[in-house]
């Protein structure tokens, strides 16, 4: 498997034969696997949404309610 990037910036992971063909004929370029992985995994800043900070007392109260 190889990672290739189009002129428009699209990154794909394809079989070696297909990658060689696209690089030779269509102007795609080889890129490291790390670039492809970076697009697949969300960053931690994207995963975290607006979460209200709870005080220690609020956390204890919520925990007590869950156990009942």
PDB file of N, CA and C in Angstrom:
ATOM      1  N   UNK A   1       0.845  -1.175   0.000  1.00  0.00           N
ATOM      2  CA  UNK A   1       0.000   0.000   0.000  1.00  0.00           C
ATOM      3  C   UNK A   1       0.895   1.245   0.000  1.00  0.00           C
ATOM      4  N   UNK A   2       0.444   2.252  -0.741  1.00  0.00           N
ATOM      5  CA  UNK A   2       1.180   3.509  -0.836  1.00  0.00           C
ATOM      6  C   UNK A   2       0.204   4.661  -0.611  1.00  0.00           C
ATOM      7  N   UNK A   3       0.734   5.769  -0.129  1.00  0.00           N
ATOM      8  CA  UNK A   3      -0.058   6.979   0.056  1.00  0.00           C
ATOM      9  C   UNK A   3       0.324   7.961  -1.045  1.00  0.00           C
ATOM     10  N   UNK A   4      -0.690   8.494  -1.717  1.00  0.00           N
ATOM     11  CA  UNK A   4      -0.448   9.442  -2.796  1.00  0.00           C
ATOM     12  C   UNK A   4      -1.328  10.672  -2.603  1.00  0.00           C
ATOM     13  N   UNK A   5      -0.885  11.786  -3.181  1.00  0.00           N
ATOM     14  CA  UNK A   5      -1.594  13.055  -3.031  1.00  0.00           C
ATOM     15  C   UNK A   5      -1.810  13.660  -4.406  1.00  0.00           C
ATOM     16  N   UNK A   6      -3.044  14.110  -4.670  1.00  0.00           N
ATOM     17  CA  UNK A   6      -3.367  14.715  -5.958  1.00  0.00           C
ATOM     18  C   UNK A   6      -2.939  16.174  -5.981  1.00  0.00           C
ATOM     19  N   UNK A   7      -3.053  16.784  -7.140  1.00  0.00           N
ATOM     20  CA  UNK A   7      -2.723  18.197  -7.283  1.00  0.00           C
ATOM     21  C   UNK A   7      -3.675  19.069  -6.470  1.00  0.00           C
ATOM     22  N   UNK A   8      -4.892  18.595  -6.248  1.00  0.00           N
ATOM     23  CA  UNK A   8      -5.890  19.332  -5.474  1.00  0.00           C
ATOM     24  C   UNK A   8      -5.709  19.155  -3.972  1.00  0.00           C
ATOM     25  N   UNK A   9      -4.841  18.219  -3.560  1.00  0.00           N
ATOM     26  CA  UNK A   9      -4.578  18.022  -2.140  1.00  0.00           C
ATOM     27  C   UNK A   9      -5.239  16.797  -1.536  1.00  0.00           C
ATOM     28  N   UNK A  10      -5.956  16.028  -2.324  1.00  0.00           N
ATOM     29  CA  UNK A  10      -6.617  14.814  -1.816  1.00  0.00           C
ATOM     30  C   UNK A  10      -5.568  13.735  -1.576  1.00  0.00           C
ATOM     31  N   UNK A  11      -5.601  13.106  -0.407  1.00  0.00           N
ATOM     32  CA  UNK A  11      -4.648  12.054  -0.066  1.00  0.00           C
ATOM     33  C   UNK A  11      -5.391  10.728   0.001  1.00  0.00           C
ATOM     34  N   UNK A  12      -4.856   9.727  -0.715  1.00  0.00           N
ATOM     35  CA  UNK A  12      -5.453   8.394  -0.738  1.00  0.00           C
ATOM     36  C   UNK A  12      -4.404   7.348  -0.399  1.00  0.00           C
ATOM     37  N   UNK A  13      -4.879   6.217   0.113  1.00  0.00           N
ATOM     38  CA  UNK A  13      -4.003   5.062   0.354  1.00  0.00           C
ATOM     39  C   UNK A  13      -4.481   3.981  -0.597  1.00  0.00           C
ATOM     40  N   UNK A  14      -3.628   3.610  -1.536  1.00  0.00           N
ATOM     41  CA  UNK A  14      -4.003   2.671  -2.599  1.00  0.00           C
ATOM     42  C   UNK A  14      -2.938   1.596  -2.749  1.00  0.00           C
ATOM     43  N   UNK A  15      -3.249   0.573  -3.555  1.00  0.00           N
ATOM     44  CA  UNK A  15      -2.285  -0.498  -3.823  1.00  0.00           C
ATOM     45  C   UNK A  15      -1.112   0.060  -4.617  1.00  0.00           C
ATOM     46  N   UNK A  16       0.016  -0.622  -4.538  1.00  0.00           N
ATOM     47  CA  UNK A  16       1.244  -0.143  -5.171  1.00  0.00           C
ATOM     48  C   UNK A  16       1.099   0.037  -6.677  1.00  0.00           C
ATOM     49  N   UNK A  17       0.437  -0.900  -7.358  1.00  0.00           N
ATOM     50  CA  UNK A  17       0.276  -0.811  -8.810  1.00  0.00           C
ATOM     51  C   UNK A  17      -0.514   0.434  -9.205  1.00  0.00           C
ATOM     52  N   UNK A  18      -1.621   0.668  -8.490  1.00  0.00           N
ATOM     53  CA  UNK A  18      -2.463   1.839  -8.773  1.00  0.00           C
ATOM     54  C   UNK A  18      -1.701   3.132  -8.468  1.00  0.00           C
ATOM     55  N   UNK A  19      -0.927   3.128  -7.396  1.00  0.00           N
ATOM     56  CA  UNK A  19      -0.155   4.317  -7.018  1.00  0.00           C
ATOM     57  C   UNK A  19       0.885   4.636  -8.087  1.00  0.00           C
ATOM     58  N   UNK A  20       1.602   3.623  -8.551  1.00  0.00           N
ATOM     59  CA  UNK A  20       2.611   3.841  -9.586  1.00  0.00           C
ATOM     60  C   UNK A  20       1.986   4.413 -10.854  1.00  0.00           C
ATOM     61  N   UNK A  21       0.831   3.909 -11.236  1.00  0.00           N
ATOM     62  CA  UNK A  21       0.130   4.387 -12.427  1.00  0.00           C
ATOM     63  C   UNK A  21      -0.273   5.850 -12.285  1.00  0.00           C
ATOM     64  N   UNK A  22      -0.872   6.203 -11.151  1.00  0.00           N
ATOM     65  CA  UNK A  22      -1.342   7.575 -10.951  1.00  0.00           C
ATOM     66  C   UNK A  22      -0.180   8.562 -10.870  1.00  0.00           C
ATOM     67  N   UNK A  23       0.922   8.154 -10.255  1.00  0.00           N
ATOM     68  CA  UNK A  23       2.088   9.042 -10.163  1.00  0.00           C
ATOM     69  C   UNK A  23       2.684   9.263 -11.558  1.00  0.00           C
ATOM     70  N   UNK A  24       2.788   8.189 -12.342  1.00  0.00           N
ATOM     71  CA  UNK A  24       3.409   8.279 -13.657  1.00  0.00           C
ATOM     72  C   UNK A  24       2.541   9.024 -14.670  1.00  0.00           C
ATOM     73  N   UNK A  25       1.220   8.807 -14.636  1.00  0.00           N
ATOM     74  CA  UNK A  25       0.370   9.335 -15.691  1.00  0.00           C
ATOM     75  C   UNK A  25      -0.446  10.566 -15.303  1.00  0.00           C
ATOM     76  N   UNK A  26      -0.835  10.688 -14.051  1.00  0.00           N
ATOM     77  CA  UNK A  26      -1.790  11.729 -13.692  1.00  0.00           C
ATOM     78  C   UNK A  26      -1.213  12.825 -12.801  1.00  0.00           C
ATOM     79  N   UNK A  27       0.046  12.764 -12.464  1.00  0.00           N
ATOM     80  CA  UNK A  27       0.675  13.835 -11.704  1.00  0.00           C
ATOM     81  C   UNK A  27       0.486  13.771 -10.197  1.00  0.00           C
ATOM     82  N   UNK A  28       0.038  12.644  -9.680  1.00  0.00           N
ATOM     83  CA  UNK A  28      -0.038  12.479  -8.231  1.00  0.00           C
ATOM     84  C   UNK A  28       1.386  12.365  -7.702  1.00  0.00           C
ATOM     85  N   UNK A  29       1.581  12.589  -6.415  1.00  0.00           N
ATOM     86  CA  UNK A  29       2.912  12.444  -5.796  1.00  0.00           C
ATOM     87  C   UNK A  29       2.793  11.555  -4.563  1.00  0.00           C
ATOM     88  N   UNK A  30       3.889  10.864  -4.266  1.00  0.00           N
ATOM     89  CA  UNK A  30       3.926  10.022  -3.068  1.00  0.00           C
ATOM     90  C   UNK A  30       4.073  10.908  -1.841  1.00  0.00           C
ATOM     91  N   UNK A  31       3.375  10.535  -0.756  1.00  0.00           N
ATOM     92  CA  UNK A  31       3.481  11.250   0.514  1.00  0.00           C
ATOM     93  C   UNK A  31       3.678  10.230   1.629  1.00  0.00           C
ATOM     94  N   UNK A  32       4.217  10.657   2.760  1.00  0.00           N
ATOM     95  CA  UNK A  32       4.405   9.723   3.879  1.00  0.00           C
ATOM     96  C   UNK A  32       3.059   9.261   4.462  1.00  0.00           C
ATOM     97  N   UNK A  33       3.082   8.094   5.032  1.00  0.00           N
ATOM     98  CA  UNK A  33       1.877   7.541   5.655  1.00  0.00           C
ATOM     99  C   UNK A  33       1.385   8.432   6.792  1.00  0.00           C
ATOM    100  N   UNK A  34       2.297   9.137   7.431  1.00  0.00           N
ATOM    101  CA  UNK A  34       1.924  10.013   8.547  1.00  0.00           C
ATOM    102  C   UNK A  34       0.962  11.118   8.101  1.00  0.00           C
ATOM    103  N   UNK A  35       1.109  11.606   6.863  1.00  0.00           N
ATOM    104  CA  UNK A  35       0.169  12.615   6.348  1.00  0.00           C
ATOM    105  C   UNK A  35      -1.222  12.017   6.203  1.00  0.00           C
ATOM    106  N   UNK A  36      -1.291  10.793   5.700  1.00  0.00           N
ATOM    107  CA  UNK A  36      -2.581  10.125   5.535  1.00  0.00           C
ATOM    108  C   UNK A  36      -3.226   9.863   6.892  1.00  0.00           C
ATOM    109  N   UNK A  37      -2.412   9.425   7.868  1.00  0.00           N
ATOM    110  CA  UNK A  37      -2.931   9.157   9.210  1.00  0.00           C
ATOM    111  C   UNK A  37      -3.448  10.425   9.875  1.00  0.00           C
ATOM    112  N   UNK A  38      -2.778  11.537   9.629  1.00  0.00           N
ATOM    113  CA  UNK A  38      -3.182  12.803  10.252  1.00  0.00           C
ATOM    114  C   UNK A  38      -4.593  13.199   9.832  1.00  0.00           C
ATOM    115  N   UNK A  39      -4.993  12.832   8.637  1.00  0.00           N
ATOM    116  CA  UNK A  39      -6.346  13.149   8.181  1.00  0.00           C
ATOM    117  C   UNK A  39      -7.382  12.219   8.789  1.00  0.00           C
ATOM    118  N   UNK A  40      -6.983  11.032   9.163  1.00  0.00           N
ATOM    119  CA  UNK A  40      -7.920  10.030   9.681  1.00  0.00           C
ATOM    120  C   UNK A  40      -8.222  10.203  11.160  1.00  0.00           C
ATOM    121  N   UNK A  41      -7.242  10.657  11.930  1.00  0.00           N
ATOM    122  CA  UNK A  41      -7.429  10.767  13.377  1.00  0.00           C
ATOM    123  C   UNK A  41      -7.807  12.191  13.752  1.00  0.00           C
ATOM    124  N   UNK A  42      -8.895  12.355  14.479  1.00  0.00           N
ATOM    125  CA  UNK A  42      -9.228  13.714  14.928  1.00  0.00           C
ATOM    126  C   UNK A  42      -8.246  14.179  15.987  1.00  0.00           C
ATOM    127  N   UNK A  43      -7.943  15.442  15.972  1.00  0.00           N
ATOM    128  CA  UNK A  43      -7.044  15.977  16.985  1.00  0.00           C
ATOM    129  C   UNK A  43      -7.811  16.165  18.287  1.00  0.00           C
ATOM    130  N   UNK A  44      -7.103  16.235  19.381  1.00  0.00           N
ATOM    131  CA  UNK A  44      -7.757  16.350  20.681  1.00  0.00           C
ATOM    132  C   UNK A  44      -8.519  17.660  20.807  1.00  0.00           C
ATOM    133  N   UNK A  45      -8.057  18.714  20.174  1.00  0.00           N
ATOM    134  CA  UNK A  45      -8.762  19.984  20.264  1.00  0.00           C
ATOM    135  C   UNK A  45     -10.109  19.912  19.545  1.00  0.00           C
ATOM    136  N   UNK A  46     -10.218  19.068  18.499  1.00  0.00           N
ATOM    137  CA  UNK A  46     -11.482  18.913  17.793  1.00  0.00           C
ATOM    138  C   UNK A  46     -12.470  18.067  18.591  1.00  0.00           C
ATOM    139  N   UNK A  47     -11.960  17.088  19.317  1.00  0.00           N
ATOM    140  CA  UNK A  47     -12.821  16.175  20.060  1.00  0.00           C
ATOM    141  C   UNK A  47     -13.471  16.889  21.242  1.00  0.00           C
ATOM    142  N   UNK A  48     -12.740  17.739  21.906  1.00  0.00           N
ATOM    143  CA  UNK A  48     -13.248  18.418  23.090  1.00  0.00           C
ATOM    144  C   UNK A  48     -14.234  19.494  22.660  1.00  0.00           C
ATOM    145  N   UNK A  49     -15.422  19.422  23.201  1.00  0.00           N
ATOM    146  CA  UNK A  49     -16.440  20.428  22.919  1.00  0.00           C
ATOM    147  C   UNK A  49     -16.629  21.265  24.169  1.00  0.00           C
ATOM    148  N   UNK A  50     -17.558  22.174  24.131  1.00  0.00           N
ATOM    149  CA  UNK A  50     -17.792  23.040  25.277  1.00  0.00           C
ATOM    150  C   UNK A  50     -18.308  22.222  26.452  1.00  0.00           C
ATOM    151  N   UNK A  51     -17.454  22.014  27.403  1.00  0.00           N
ATOM    152  CA  UNK A  51     -17.801  21.262  28.607  1.00  0.00           C
ATOM    153  C   UNK A  51     -17.683  22.229  29.774  1.00  0.00           C
ATOM    154  N   UNK A  52     -18.772  22.372  30.481  1.00  0.00           N
ATOM    155  CA  UNK A  52     -18.764  23.284  31.627  1.00  0.00           C
ATOM    156  C   UNK A  52     -17.946  22.656  32.748  1.00  0.00           C
ATOM    157  N   UNK A  53     -17.099  23.440  33.353  1.00  0.00           N
ATOM    158  CA  UNK A  53     -16.300  22.959  34.471  1.00  0.00           C
ATOM    159  C   UNK A  53     -17.188  22.846  35.708  1.00  0.00           C
ATOM    160  N   UNK A  54     -17.157  21.692  36.329  1.00  0.00           N
ATOM    161  CA  UNK A  54     -17.942  21.460  37.531  1.00  0.00           C
ATOM    162  C   UNK A  54     -17.046  21.602  38.746  1.00  0.00           C
ATOM    163  N   UNK A  55     -17.596  22.156  39.779  1.00  0.00           N
ATOM    164  CA  UNK A  55     -16.829  22.241  41.017  1.00  0.00           C
ATOM    165  C   UNK A  55     -16.787  20.860  41.658  1.00  0.00           C
ATOM    166  N   UNK A  56     -15.953  20.719  42.639  1.00  0.00           N
ATOM    167  CA  UNK A  56     -15.814  19.434  43.322  1.00  0.00           C
ATOM    168  C   UNK A  56     -17.130  19.037  43.984  1.00  0.00           C
ATOM    169  N   UNK A  57     -17.812  19.996  44.565  1.00  0.00           N
ATOM    170  CA  UNK A  57     -19.091  19.705  45.216  1.00  0.00           C
ATOM    171  C   UNK A  57     -20.134  19.248  44.200  1.00  0.00           C
ATOM    172  N   UNK A  58     -20.154  19.872  43.035  1.00  0.00           N
ATOM    173  CA  UNK A  58     -21.115  19.476  41.997  1.00  0.00           C
ATOM    174  C   UNK A  58     -20.815  18.059  41.503  1.00  0.00           C
ATOM    175  N   UNK A  59     -19.537  17.713  41.382  1.00  0.00           N
ATOM    176  CA  UNK A  59     -19.171  16.367  40.958  1.00  0.00           C
ATOM    177  C   UNK A  59     -19.602  15.330  41.990  1.00  0.00           C
ATOM    178  N   UNK A  60     -19.404  15.642  43.269  1.00  0.00           N
ATOM    179  CA  UNK A  60     -19.807  14.721  44.334  1.00  0.00           C
ATOM    180  C   UNK A  60     -21.322  14.518  44.332  1.00  0.00           C
ATOM    181  N   UNK A  61     -22.063  15.600  44.163  1.00  0.00           N
ATOM    182  CA  UNK A  61     -23.522  15.531  44.124  1.00  0.00           C
ATOM    183  C   UNK A  61     -23.990  14.686  42.946  1.00  0.00           C
ATOM    184  N   UNK A  62     -23.377  14.883  41.792  1.00  0.00           N
ATOM    185  CA  UNK A  62     -23.746  14.108  40.601  1.00  0.00           C
ATOM    186  C   UNK A  62     -23.444  12.642  40.808  1.00  0.00           C
ATOM    187  N   UNK A  63     -22.327  12.320  41.438  1.00  0.00           N
ATOM    188  CA  UNK A  63     -21.956  10.937  41.702  1.00  0.00           C
ATOM    189  C   UNK A  63     -22.945  10.281  42.642  1.00  0.00           C
ATOM    190  N   UNK A  64     -23.414  11.025  43.666  1.00  0.00           N
ATOM    191  CA  UNK A  64     -24.378  10.494  44.610  1.00  0.00           C
ATOM    192  C   UNK A  64     -25.703  10.191  43.915  1.00  0.00           C
ATOM    193  N   UNK A  65     -26.103  11.064  43.008  1.00  0.00           N
ATOM    194  CA  UNK A  65     -27.366  10.864  42.285  1.00  0.00           C
ATOM    195  C   UNK A  65     -27.290   9.631  41.393  1.00  0.00           C
ATOM    196  N   UNK A  66     -26.130   9.371  40.800  1.00  0.00           N
ATOM    197  CA  UNK A  66     -25.976   8.215  39.920  1.00  0.00           C
ATOM    198  C   UNK A  66     -26.052   6.918  40.699  1.00  0.00           C
ATOM    199  N   UNK A  67     -25.540   6.890  41.921  1.00  0.00           N
ATOM    200  CA  UNK A  67     -25.512   5.656  42.697  1.00  0.00           C
ATOM    201  C   UNK A  67     -26.892   5.310  43.251  1.00  0.00           C
ATOM    202  N   UNK A  68     -27.792   6.269  43.355  1.00  0.00           N
ATOM    203  CA  UNK A  68     -29.127   5.981  43.912  1.00  0.00           C
ATOM    204  C   UNK A  68     -30.043   5.363  42.923  1.00  0.00           C
TER     205      UNK A  68
END
